[in-house]
Amino acid sequence: MNTYKYTRLKLRPFILALGLGLAFISCSDDDAETGQPTTPTNPAGTRFMEPVFTNTTVSRDIEYGSNTTQGGIQESLLMDIHVPEGDSATNRPLVVFVHGGGFFGGTKGDDFGASSTFFAQAGYVVADINYRLIDTVGSEEEITEAQLKLAIIQAVHDLRAAIRFFVADAANSNTYRVDPDNVFIGGYSAGAVTVLHAAYLNTIDELSTFNDQNIVDYVNMNGGLQGNSGNDSSTNFTLRGVMNLSGALVSANLINAEEIPVISFHGTADTVVPFGTALAEIGNLVVDGSSIIDSRASDVGVSSTLNPLDGGGHLATIQCNSCVTTDLIAFTFSNLAAQ
């Protein structure tokens, strides 16, 4: 595995003494089965900050909605849900992870398998989601700017529907015991592009950053910014933070004062999704990468932590164990609303 040096910029005084780390990761892989209560791995540990449960239970291929792809195919939207085995707590924070793949490939769990287990062992409910991919071309190289922009919007719609699935559950059967006021989203590559836009694209007027009237028309005809991928769009939830691994925004100006905190990890030599402002490898679209996002956030007073991986390429962030486990959980812990 390649290793990269990263420098933590503007990091708040997190407690990063998480020596337990990945040593405690084990997972009950019985699909949709409820595990038996177990003795916590670390009963004296700090819940939501470090692993306190030995095992997790994974319910796979849970349908959270459906919608039509760019190719006109009606697609069921699925996710895997990880919960700590033997946990009786209520109002648990929710973390939703979104995989990468250039909006053309990839599937749930590809990039955050270990992280999902790690977070669930610490007491979070974790969802790894699928979302609509571009299905009108034969390869990533054929993706156009217009198709990429639409894919971003569709993925945001799907992500928001996945969160609403848990909000609806909390108001009804309360199977997953999620706190709608404590929701975090994280993604890698295309998944990071998705979560960043879900966090900071909040008004129709902001769609002007896409410089495409077709996008505005699509949003207006398909459920607005919340979309129509499933679950009641009038339900409320509160995002507490966004975790960006090698992602970008169509414009960092989408970030405005008093919006949610962001933590970013990005290889400084990334040629797929740029660290600064440049042409993305897919879709012939100029985007603002993590360094520009961090600068904009600082300018408007939004809490931002930038972790450049010096000399790292596009894969550097997911090859960095602390980037996708201990540092991310320190970020979520520090931004939790009072329980």
Protein backbone atom coordinates (compact mmCIF):
# COMPACT_ATOMS: atom_id res chain seq x y z
CA MET A 1 0.00 0.00 0.00
CA ASN A 2 1.27 3.43 -0.88
CA THR A 3 1.64 5.90 1.94
CA TYR A 4 1.38 9.66 1.70
CA LYS A 5 2.25 12.43 4.06
CA TYR A 6 -0.59 14.75 4.86
CA THR A 7 -0.59 18.03 6.70
CA ARG A 8 -3.56 18.89 8.85
CA LEU A 9 -4.62 22.51 8.30
CA LYS A 10 -6.87 24.43 10.71
CA LEU A 11 -7.67 21.29 12.66
CA ARG A 12 -9.70 21.98 15.78
CA PRO A 13 -8.34 20.38 18.97
CA PHE A 14 -9.80 16.94 18.38
CA ILE A 15 -8.93 14.11 20.70
CA LEU A 16 -7.27 11.72 18.28
CA ALA A 17 -6.05 9.09 20.72
CA LEU A 18 -7.87 6.25 19.03
CA GLY A 19 -5.30 3.53 19.41
CA LEU A 20 -7.94 0.82 19.25
CA GLY A 21 -8.39 1.60 15.55
CA LEU A 22 -8.97 -1.20 13.14
CA ALA A 23 -7.89 -3.88 15.57
CA PHE A 24 -11.48 -4.18 16.76
CA ILE A 25 -13.14 -4.47 13.38
CA SER A 26 -15.20 -7.61 13.01
CA CYS A 27 -18.55 -7.91 11.33
CA SER A 28 -21.55 -10.18 11.54
CA ASP A 29 -22.40 -10.67 7.86
CA ASP A 30 -25.77 -12.36 8.25
CA ASP A 31 -28.00 -10.46 5.87
CA ALA A 32 -30.96 -8.79 7.58
CA GLU A 33 -30.48 -10.86 10.73
CA THR A 34 -30.42 -9.42 14.22
CA GLY A 35 -27.31 -10.38 16.15
CA GLN A 36 -27.30 -11.49 19.73
CA PRO A 37 -26.23 -9.01 22.41
CA THR A 38 -22.51 -9.11 23.02
CA THR A 39 -20.13 -7.63 25.52
CA PRO A 40 -18.78 -4.32 24.26
CA THR A 41 -15.21 -4.41 23.05
CA ASN A 42 -14.32 -1.40 25.12
CA PRO A 43 -17.07 -0.66 27.67
CA ALA A 44 -15.00 2.15 29.20
CA GLY A 45 -14.57 3.81 25.83
CA THR A 46 -16.25 6.96 24.60
CA ARG A 47 -19.33 6.16 22.56
CA PHE A 48 -19.37 7.81 19.10
CA MET A 49 -15.62 8.43 19.39
CA GLU A 50 -14.13 4.93 19.44
CA PRO A 51 -15.28 1.32 19.10
CA VAL A 52 -17.33 0.11 22.07
CA PHE A 53 -19.03 -2.90 20.43
CA THR A 54 -17.40 -6.07 19.19
CA ASN A 55 -19.76 -6.90 16.35
CA THR A 56 -22.06 -5.21 13.91
CA THR A 57 -25.11 -6.47 12.07
CA VAL A 58 -25.51 -5.68 8.36
CA SER A 59 -28.89 -5.62 6.60
CA ARG A 60 -28.18 -5.73 2.90
CA ASP A 61 -30.04 -4.48 -0.16
CA ILE A 62 -32.65 -2.47 1.72
CA GLU A 63 -34.71 -0.49 -0.78
CA TYR A 64 -34.93 3.17 0.14
CA GLY A 65 -36.54 4.44 -3.06
CA SER A 66 -36.57 4.28 -6.84
CA ASN A 67 -36.21 6.59 -9.80
CA THR A 68 -35.48 6.76 -13.51
CA THR A 69 -31.93 6.68 -14.87
CA GLN A 70 -30.65 8.89 -17.67
CA GLY A 71 -31.29 5.94 -19.97
CA GLY A 72 -34.97 5.80 -18.96
CA ILE A 73 -34.72 2.68 -16.78
CA GLN A 74 -36.70 2.56 -13.54
CA GLU A 75 -34.16 1.58 -10.90
CA SER A 76 -34.62 0.40 -7.33
CA LEU A 77 -32.29 2.27 -4.99
CA LEU A 78 -30.62 0.02 -2.43
CA MET A 79 -28.43 0.40 0.62
CA ASP A 80 -26.69 -1.69 3.26
CA ILE A 81 -27.37 -0.68 6.87
CA HIS A 82 -24.81 -1.33 9.61
CA VAL A 83 -25.78 -1.20 13.29
CA PRO A 84 -23.90 -2.09 16.49
CA GLU A 85 -24.91 -5.55 17.65
CA GLY A 86 -26.53 -5.63 21.08
CA ASP A 87 -27.05 -1.87 21.29
CA SER A 88 -30.14 -0.64 23.14
CA ALA A 89 -29.53 3.11 22.75
CA THR A 90 -32.07 5.37 21.08
CA ASN A 91 -31.55 8.49 18.96
CA ARG A 92 -28.36 7.24 17.36
CA PRO A 93 -26.45 9.46 14.90
CA LEU A 94 -26.66 8.48 11.24
CA VAL A 95 -23.71 8.35 8.84
CA VAL A 96 -24.37 7.88 5.11
CA PHE A 97 -21.43 6.89 2.90
CA VAL A 98 -21.48 7.34 -0.89
CA HIS A 99 -19.10 5.35 -3.10
CA GLY A 100 -16.99 6.63 -5.98
CA GLY A 101 -16.75 5.45 -9.56
CA GLY A 102 -17.01 8.48 -11.82
CA PHE A 103 -20.83 8.39 -11.79
CA PHE A 104 -20.38 5.44 -14.16
CA GLY A 105 -19.39 2.50 -11.96
CA GLY A 106 -18.94 1.34 -8.40
CA THR A 107 -21.38 0.07 -5.82
CA LYS A 108 -22.28 0.46 -2.16
CA GLY A 109 -19.54 -0.55 0.23
CA ASP A 110 -16.74 -0.29 -2.33
CA ASP A 111 -14.84 2.49 -0.57
CA PHE A 112 -16.17 2.52 3.00
CA GLY A 113 -16.50 -1.11 4.07
CA ALA A 114 -14.04 -0.88 6.95
CA SER A 115 -15.22 2.61 7.88
CA SER A 116 -18.85 1.47 8.05
CA THR A 117 -17.93 -1.27 10.49
CA PHE A 118 -15.73 1.08 12.50
CA PHE A 119 -18.46 3.70 12.87
CA ALA A 120 -21.11 1.10 13.73
CA GLN A 121 -18.85 -0.35 16.41
CA ALA A 122 -18.70 3.14 17.90
CA GLY A 123 -22.49 3.30 18.12
CA TYR A 124 -23.54 5.00 14.90
CA VAL A 125 -26.09 3.72 12.40
CA VAL A 126 -24.33 3.61 9.02
CA ALA A 127 -25.79 3.37 5.52
CA ASP A 128 -23.80 2.55 2.39
CA ILE A 129 -25.96 3.59 -0.55
CA ASN A 130 -26.24 2.96 -4.25
CA TYR A 131 -27.40 5.80 -6.48
CA ARG A 132 -28.23 6.25 -10.15
CA LEU A 133 -25.25 6.02 -12.49
CA ILE A 134 -24.85 7.22 -16.07
CA ASP A 135 -26.17 4.43 -18.31
CA THR A 136 -26.26 6.16 -21.70
CA VAL A 137 -22.60 5.68 -22.70
CA GLY A 138 -20.24 2.75 -22.98
CA SER A 139 -17.27 4.18 -21.09
CA GLU A 140 -16.29 6.99 -18.75
CA GLU A 141 -14.40 8.69 -21.57
CA GLU A 142 -17.67 9.22 -23.45
CA ILE A 143 -19.42 11.09 -20.61
CA THR A 144 -20.36 14.62 -21.61
CA GLU A 145 -20.49 17.71 -19.43
CA ALA A 146 -24.30 17.72 -19.59
CA GLN A 147 -24.51 14.06 -18.54
CA LEU A 148 -22.12 14.65 -15.65
CA LYS A 149 -24.07 17.64 -14.36
CA LEU A 150 -27.32 15.66 -14.49
CA ALA A 151 -25.65 12.71 -12.74
CA ILE A 152 -24.60 14.99 -9.87
CA ILE A 153 -28.16 16.23 -9.41
CA GLN A 154 -29.63 12.73 -9.60
CA ALA A 155 -27.13 11.40 -7.04
CA VAL A 156 -27.98 14.29 -4.68
CA HIS A 157 -31.68 13.49 -5.06
CA ASP A 158 -31.01 9.83 -4.25
CA LEU A 159 -28.84 10.63 -1.24
CA ARG A 160 -31.49 12.93 0.20
CA ALA A 161 -34.11 10.20 -0.30
CA ALA A 162 -31.90 7.75 1.59
CA ILE A 163 -31.68 10.12 4.55
CA ARG A 164 -35.46 10.63 4.45
CA PHE A 165 -35.89 6.84 4.65
CA PHE A 166 -34.44 6.97 8.17
CA VAL A 167 -36.41 10.08 9.11
CA ALA A 168 -39.63 8.31 8.08
CA ASP A 169 -38.59 5.22 10.01
CA ALA A 170 -37.90 7.31 13.12
CA ALA A 171 -41.42 8.73 12.93
CA ASN A 172 -43.07 5.33 12.48
CA SER A 173 -41.63 1.91 13.35
CA ASN A 174 -38.36 3.38 14.64
CA THR A 175 -36.55 0.20 13.62
CA TYR A 176 -33.17 1.87 13.31
CA ARG A 177 -33.50 4.38 16.18
CA VAL A 178 -31.84 7.21 14.28
CA ASP A 179 -31.72 10.82 15.45
CA PRO A 180 -32.76 13.01 12.48
CA ASP A 181 -30.94 15.94 14.07
CA ASN A 182 -27.58 14.14 13.89
CA VAL A 183 -26.90 13.21 10.27
CA PHE A 184 -23.46 13.09 8.64
CA ILE A 185 -22.64 12.39 4.99
CA GLY A 186 -19.35 11.27 3.48
CA GLY A 187 -18.10 10.22 0.10
CA TYR A 188 -15.11 9.41 -2.06
CA SER A 189 -14.55 10.79 -5.58
CA ALA A 190 -17.97 10.92 -7.29
CA GLY A 191 -19.44 10.14 -3.88
CA ALA A 192 -17.63 13.14 -2.42
CA VAL A 193 -18.91 15.32 -5.27
CA THR A 194 -22.39 14.08 -4.35
CA VAL A 195 -22.17 14.78 -0.62
CA LEU A 196 -20.63 18.21 -1.14
CA HIS A 197 -23.48 19.27 -3.40
CA ALA A 198 -26.03 17.73 -1.04
CA ALA A 199 -24.53 19.85 1.73
CA TYR A 200 -24.14 23.16 -0.07
CA LEU A 201 -26.61 23.25 -2.99
CA ASN A 202 -29.63 24.52 -1.10
CA THR A 203 -31.52 27.00 -3.28
CA ILE A 204 -32.81 26.99 -6.84
CA ASP A 205 -30.92 30.22 -7.47
CA GLU A 206 -27.66 28.37 -6.71
CA LEU A 207 -28.27 26.14 -9.72
CA SER A 208 -26.91 29.03 -11.77
CA THR A 209 -23.45 27.69 -10.85
CA PHE A 210 -24.16 24.76 -13.20
CA ASN A 211 -24.54 27.23 -16.09
CA ASP A 212 -27.11 24.94 -17.70
CA GLN A 213 -30.79 25.77 -18.08
CA ASN A 214 -31.56 22.10 -18.70
CA ILE A 215 -30.44 21.36 -15.13
CA VAL A 216 -32.72 24.05 -13.74
CA ASP A 217 -35.64 22.68 -15.78
CA TYR A 218 -34.90 19.11 -14.67
CA VAL A 219 -34.84 20.06 -10.99
CA ASN A 220 -38.05 22.06 -11.25
CA MET A 221 -39.83 19.16 -12.96
CA ASN A 222 -38.49 16.45 -10.66
CA GLY A 223 -39.25 17.38 -7.09
CA GLY A 224 -37.07 20.44 -6.70
CA LEU A 225 -33.77 20.16 -4.87
CA GLN A 226 -35.15 17.38 -2.64
CA GLY A 227 -36.01 15.24 -5.67
CA ASN A 228 -38.59 12.48 -6.00
CA SER A 229 -36.50 9.36 -5.39
CA GLY A 230 -38.62 8.32 -2.43
CA ASN A 231 -39.96 9.17 1.01
CA ASP A 232 -41.77 12.34 2.00
CA SER A 233 -39.72 15.36 0.94
CA SER A 234 -41.37 17.47 3.64
CA THR A 235 -39.63 15.52 6.40
CA ASN A 236 -36.91 17.39 8.27
CA PHE A 237 -33.39 16.35 9.16
CA THR A 238 -30.25 18.22 10.16
CA LEU A 239 -26.89 17.68 8.52
CA ARG A 240 -24.10 18.14 11.04
CA GLY A 241 -21.08 17.68 8.80
CA VAL A 242 -19.78 16.56 5.42
CA MET A 243 -16.76 14.30 4.86
CA ASN A 244 -15.02 14.92 1.54
CA LEU A 245 -12.45 12.46 0.20
CA SER A 246 -11.10 13.59 -3.19
CA GLY A 247 -14.21 15.54 -4.12
CA ALA A 248 -15.14 18.87 -5.70
CA LEU A 249 -17.94 21.37 -6.27
CA VAL A 250 -19.01 22.89 -9.58
CA SER A 251 -18.32 26.13 -7.71
CA ALA A 252 -16.99 26.66 -4.22
CA ASN A 253 -19.21 29.75 -4.10
CA LEU A 254 -22.03 27.37 -3.20
CA ILE A 255 -20.65 27.50 0.35
CA ASN A 256 -22.21 30.31 2.35
CA ALA A 257 -21.98 31.59 5.91
CA GLU A 258 -23.44 29.48 8.72
CA GLU A 259 -23.48 26.28 6.69
CA ILE A 260 -22.26 22.93 7.95
CA PRO A 261 -18.63 22.01 8.72
CA VAL A 262 -16.52 20.12 6.20
CA ILE A 263 -13.45 17.93 6.53
CA SER A 264 -11.48 17.19 3.36
CA PHE A 265 -8.73 14.79 2.39
CA HIS A 266 -7.23 15.18 -1.07
CA GLY A 267 -4.08 14.19 -2.92
CA THR A 268 -2.26 17.28 -4.08
CA ALA A 269 -1.29 15.55 -7.35
CA ASP A 270 -4.81 14.25 -8.11
CA THR A 271 -5.46 14.39 -11.87
CA VAL A 272 -8.94 12.83 -11.74
CA VAL A 273 -10.62 15.33 -9.41
CA PRO A 274 -8.34 18.35 -9.03
CA PHE A 275 -7.01 19.55 -5.70
CA GLY A 276 -7.48 23.12 -6.93
CA THR A 277 -9.53 24.55 -9.79
CA ALA A 278 -9.11 22.58 -13.00
CA LEU A 279 -10.78 20.32 -15.53
CA ALA A 280 -12.05 17.06 -14.05
CA GLU A 281 -10.93 13.96 -15.91
CA ILE A 282 -14.54 12.92 -16.53
CA GLY A 283 -17.14 15.06 -18.27
CA ASN A 284 -14.94 17.94 -19.43
CA LEU A 285 -16.13 20.05 -16.50
CA VAL A 286 -14.08 22.64 -14.60
CA VAL A 287 -14.56 22.15 -10.86
CA ASP A 288 -13.26 23.52 -7.57
CA GLY A 289 -11.40 20.89 -5.56
CA SER A 290 -10.71 20.64 -1.87
CA SER A 291 -8.18 23.46 -1.56
CA ILE A 292 -10.61 25.94 -3.14
CA ILE A 293 -13.46 24.58 -1.02
CA ASP A 294 -11.37 25.12 2.11
CA SER A 295 -10.44 28.65 1.07
CA ARG A 296 -14.05 29.59 0.34
CA ALA A 297 -15.24 28.08 3.62
CA SER A 298 -12.65 30.12 5.51
CA ASP A 299 -13.70 33.29 3.71
CA VAL A 300 -17.35 32.92 4.78
CA GLY A 301 -16.68 31.57 8.27
CA VAL A 302 -17.61 27.93 7.74
CA SER A 303 -15.58 25.44 9.75
CA SER A 304 -13.24 23.57 7.42
CA THR A 305 -10.36 21.17 7.95
CA LEU A 306 -8.16 20.52 4.92
CA ASN A 307 -5.79 17.56 4.93
CA PRO A 308 -3.59 17.66 1.81
CA LEU A 309 -1.89 14.37 1.01
CA ASP A 310 1.36 15.67 -0.40
CA GLY A 311 2.14 14.13 -3.79
CA GLY A 312 -0.84 11.80 -3.57
CA GLY A 313 -3.04 10.93 -6.52
CA HIS A 314 -6.72 10.16 -6.68
CA LEU A 315 -6.47 6.92 -4.69
CA ALA A 316 -4.43 8.43 -1.89
CA THR A 317 -7.36 9.19 0.38
CA ILE A 318 -8.77 5.68 0.46
CA GLN A 319 -5.28 4.22 0.90
CA CYS A 320 -4.92 6.27 4.10
CA ASN A 321 -6.43 4.27 6.96
CA SER A 322 -6.61 7.16 9.41
CA CYS A 323 -8.28 9.33 6.76
CA VAL A 324 -11.24 6.99 6.48
CA THR A 325 -11.50 5.89 10.11
CA THR A 326 -10.06 7.69 13.11
CA ASP A 327 -9.85 11.22 11.70
CA LEU A 328 -13.37 11.07 10.30
CA ILE A 329 -14.87 9.78 13.52
CA ALA A 330 -13.10 12.56 15.44
CA PHE A 331 -14.79 15.01 13.08
CA THR A 332 -18.27 13.53 13.57
CA PHE A 333 -17.82 13.31 17.33
CA SER A 334 -16.85 16.96 17.58
CA ASN A 335 -19.90 18.05 15.58
CA LEU A 336 -22.61 15.97 17.25
CA ALA A 337 -25.64 17.81 18.55
CA ALA A 338 -26.41 17.24 22.22
CA GLN A 339 -27.92 13.81 22.78
